[in-house]
Amino acid sequence: MSKEIENDLLIMGKNARESSQLLALVSAEQKNESLNNMADNINKGIKGILEANDKDIKKAKENNISQSFLDRLILNDERIKSMSDGLRAIAKLDDPVGQQIARWQRPNGLDIERVRTPLGVIGVIYESRPNVTADAGALCIKAGNAVILRGGSESYYSSKAIYNSLKKGIVQAGLPEYSIQIIPTVDRSAVGYLLSGLNDSIDVVVPRGGKSLVERVQNEAKVPVFGHLEGICHLYVDKDADINKAIDITVNAKMRRPGICGAAETLLIDEERASYFLPELAKALRNSGCEIRGCKKSKIIVDDIIPVEKSDWDTEYLDSIISIKIVEGINGAIDHINNHSTNHTDSIITENSKTAEIFLKEIDSAIVMHNTSTQFADGGEFGMGAEIGIATGRFHARGPVGVEQLTTFKYIVRGSGQIRS
């Protein structure tokens, strides 16, 4: 990295730290005004955002980027409107800063309160999803945090165009100018310096991208990380499942958007009714354009299924491919998931509420579901306005990282002259 880029990043870190201290004191009304301004600016700037996106798409095609990767990159009127709607939804959320989490009194008369406070400065590193620029920027502002964004080279022009709309909204509302910043280079070494913490300016890093990016962040970061390495999501079709419901959920979970982290990668089917369920499920998946790989038992039932390799159970395809395994009931499903889970999202399809509760209790993923598609693993769908990512660890945040997860807390202790003996 050149000395110039290094100095620029240090200045960004210093500006972000100063902005975060001011943002922590900003009123909810002023933050909401900035978010609504951002939404207005994005709507007004659709033409420019699409032109910038066209540059990114052209470059991506020249580099023979995969279709699933391209799908995450593409913007259109509908996706931009969804981005704008997401900003307004975040503005409508309760302001978490200053919220009372708990309060109690001690026998000596001390009044103790635990309240939410901003984390400080957040670094967000992402790849081909330009919409993350808006989601991450808005969520951080709502939670009173400054943010430094580092989008991928694949979405450079799109992310910059969206960022310009966000920054304009901040200035219009009178918020600190450097509340949101974006690193103005595609130099990969900039990521390494961001992970170093920029001289203690960064409080936490959130990676949003593929396995190699998240792996690098988790290995190199000198500050805490919220994130997930892979999203190997499972669907289990129990013997008491409704076949029509199972078909609809399975096709949606796999094929709605195969390239997102909430897409199902493995389908488990109870052996007791596999001979009935599998032909119907396989037909529906194939009709939707999905490649099917399966275990030996599944090939006996549907003989033209592609034989599964051992590595398939641990592969996040992010593509129109699914692996199928016949298992011995709920216990077999739980054993398989526990052996191959990345603790992201897993779902059971069954009409038996007792079986469902066993699954929901014993599967220790960040998100566990019953009779619904894993594609709902999303902060916006959870009513959180949007998300900055999905966290699968157990430190601080787990599941969709929304506004509340971007806060910490402090204790406020009020006394009337007490001293400790």
Foldseek 3Di string as FASTA:
>chain_A
DDPVLLVVVLVLLVLQQVLLVVLQPDDLVLLLQLLLQLLVLLLVCVVQLQVLLVVLLVVCVVVVHDPLLSVLQDDDPVNSNLLSQLSNLLSPDDQQRFDWPDWDADPVGKTKTKGWTFLEEEEEEEERHLSLLSQVLSQQSSLSGAYEYEYAPSNLSNNVSSVVSSLVSCVVSPRRSSSYHYSNDNPPVSVLCVLACSVVSHAEYEYYYAQVRVVCSVVRHPHHYFAFNAQAEEEEEFPQFDLVLVQVQLCCLCPVRPQDSLRHAEYEYEPVCCLPRVVVNVVSLVVSPAQEEEDPVSCVSVVPHHHDDPCSLQDSPSDRYHYYYYAHGLVRVLVSCVVRPSLAEYEYGHPDVVSRVVQVVRRRHLYYYYSHHSVCQFCVSVSLSGASHAGGDDPQDHGGHGNSSSIDIDMDMDDDDDDDD
